Amino acid sequence: QVQLVESGGGLVQPGGSLRLSCAVSGSISSAVAMGWYRQAPGKQRELVAIMTSETSTNYATSVKGRFTISRDNAKNTVYLQMNSLKPEDTAVYYCNAQYYIGSIVAYWGQGTQVTVSS
């Protein structure tokens, strides 16, 4: 069983920055994909950023150019650097890891709250 623990959320003013971390109990180098999702109140969970290899990333249109996903394989940690934050970025952010174990198995963290407000 792979466990994911997010950290780094909090309250930030519009235009500010935060860096989220996701510590993974398993080896992220063997993961098929690592990603960040978010869910705002009353909305469905949506993909924010996903990384399928060291150089292959994809971002939601709403965060492209502002957010950056990265990984440290030695620390089994995935990061989400969030710059130029907007109030509409307010949500619970979840880390996701996908492994191939005969089929794709997805693991989730417990989420970390990000609130962008003045």
Protein backbone atom coordinates (compact mmCIF):
# COMPACT_ATOMS: atom_id res chain seq x y z
CA GLN A 1 0.00 0.00 0.00
CA VAL A 2 1.45 3.33 -1.08
CA GLN A 3 0.84 6.31 1.17
CA LEU A 4 0.96 9.94 0.07
CA VAL A 5 1.21 12.88 2.46
CA GLU A 6 0.74 16.42 1.20
CA SER A 7 2.02 19.54 2.92
CA GLY A 8 2.62 23.21 2.20
CA GLY A 9 -0.92 24.51 1.89
CA GLY A 10 -2.16 27.61 3.62
CA LEU A 11 -3.52 31.11 3.24
CA VAL A 12 -1.84 33.40 0.72
CA GLN A 13 -2.70 36.76 -0.81
CA PRO A 14 -3.51 37.08 -4.51
CA GLY A 15 -0.30 37.23 -6.50
CA GLY A 16 1.57 35.21 -3.90
CA SER A 17 3.28 31.85 -4.12
CA LEU A 18 3.13 28.49 -2.39
CA ARG A 19 4.97 25.23 -2.85
CA LEU A 20 3.14 22.01 -2.14
CA SER A 21 5.00 18.82 -1.34
CA CYS A 22 3.85 15.23 -1.61
CA ALA A 23 5.90 12.63 0.24
CA VAL A 24 5.35 9.13 -1.15
CA SER A 25 6.05 5.93 0.79
CA GLY A 26 6.81 4.04 -2.41
CA SER A 27 9.31 4.68 -5.16
CA ILE A 28 8.05 7.44 -7.43
CA SER A 29 10.56 6.49 -10.11
CA SER A 30 8.49 3.36 -10.76
CA ALA A 31 5.19 5.25 -10.90
CA VAL A 32 3.41 5.48 -14.23
CA ALA A 33 2.35 9.03 -13.39
CA MET A 34 2.44 11.52 -10.56
CA GLY A 35 -0.04 14.37 -10.44
CA TRP A 36 -1.80 17.09 -8.56
CA TYR A 37 -5.56 17.56 -8.55
CA ARG A 38 -7.77 20.06 -6.80
CA GLN A 39 -11.36 20.31 -5.68
CA ALA A 40 -13.09 23.57 -4.89
CA PRO A 41 -16.31 23.67 -2.84
CA GLY A 42 -19.27 22.54 -4.92
CA LYS A 43 -17.07 21.53 -7.85
CA GLN A 44 -15.67 18.29 -9.19
CA ARG A 45 -12.08 17.30 -8.64
CA GLU A 46 -9.96 18.45 -11.58
CA LEU A 47 -6.49 17.75 -12.87
CA VAL A 48 -3.99 20.54 -12.19
CA ALA A 49 -0.70 19.03 -13.34
CA ILE A 50 0.62 15.60 -14.21
CA MET A 51 4.07 14.19 -14.82
CA THR A 52 4.57 10.90 -16.66
CA SER A 53 8.34 11.12 -16.89
CA GLU A 54 11.13 13.48 -15.94
CA THR A 55 10.40 15.59 -19.02
CA SER A 56 6.78 14.90 -19.84
CA THR A 57 4.32 17.16 -18.06
CA ASN A 58 0.85 18.45 -18.72
CA TYR A 59 -1.06 21.29 -17.08
CA ALA A 60 -4.61 22.53 -16.86
CA THR A 61 -5.08 25.55 -19.09
CA SER A 62 -6.01 27.68 -16.08
CA VAL A 63 -2.63 27.15 -14.39
CA LYS A 64 -0.28 26.91 -17.37
CA GLY A 65 2.61 29.32 -17.00
CA ARG A 66 1.94 29.81 -13.28
CA PHE A 67 2.31 26.32 -11.78
CA THR A 68 5.20 23.89 -12.13
CA ILE A 69 5.24 20.22 -11.17
CA SER A 70 8.56 18.62 -10.32
CA ARG A 71 9.94 15.58 -8.57
CA ASP A 72 12.89 14.45 -6.48
CA ASN A 73 13.26 10.70 -6.99
CA ALA A 74 15.87 10.41 -4.24
CA LYS A 75 13.39 11.83 -1.73
CA ASN A 76 10.32 10.18 -3.30
CA THR A 77 8.70 13.58 -3.24
CA VAL A 78 6.66 15.47 -5.81
CA TYR A 79 6.24 19.23 -5.72
CA LEU A 80 3.83 21.78 -7.08
CA GLN A 81 5.22 25.30 -7.26
CA MET A 82 2.34 27.74 -7.52
CA ASN A 83 3.04 31.35 -8.50
CA SER A 84 0.79 34.32 -9.23
CA LEU A 85 -1.99 32.73 -7.26
CA LYS A 86 -5.55 33.84 -7.85
CA PRO A 87 -8.66 33.54 -5.65
CA GLU A 88 -10.02 30.97 -8.09
CA ASP A 89 -7.07 28.71 -7.20
CA THR A 90 -8.63 28.22 -3.77
CA ALA A 91 -9.29 24.51 -3.29
CA VAL A 92 -8.15 21.36 -1.56
CA TYR A 93 -5.15 20.04 -3.47
CA TYR A 94 -4.59 16.30 -3.72
CA CYS A 95 -1.51 14.37 -4.73
CA ASN A 96 -2.02 11.31 -6.94
CA ALA A 97 0.28 8.43 -7.81
CA GLN A 98 -0.45 5.80 -10.44
CA TYR A 99 1.35 2.48 -10.55
CA TYR A 100 1.04 -0.41 -12.93
CA ILE A 101 0.41 -3.59 -10.89
CA GLY A 102 -1.22 -5.78 -13.50
CA SER A 103 -3.51 -2.82 -14.08
CA ILE A 104 -3.30 0.86 -13.20
CA VAL A 105 -3.75 1.44 -9.47
CA ALA A 106 -4.20 5.01 -8.22
CA TYR A 107 -3.32 6.25 -4.77
CA TRP A 108 -4.39 9.56 -3.21
CA GLY A 109 -3.20 11.76 -0.40
CA GLN A 110 -5.49 13.29 2.18
CA GLY A 111 -5.35 16.74 0.61
CA THR A 112 -4.06 20.12 1.68
CA GLN A 113 -6.09 23.33 1.73
CA VAL A 114 -4.96 26.30 -0.34
CA THR A 115 -6.81 29.55 0.21
CA VAL A 116 -6.04 32.63 -1.88
CA SER A 117 -7.60 35.71 -0.33
CA SER A 118 -6.78 39.24 0.67
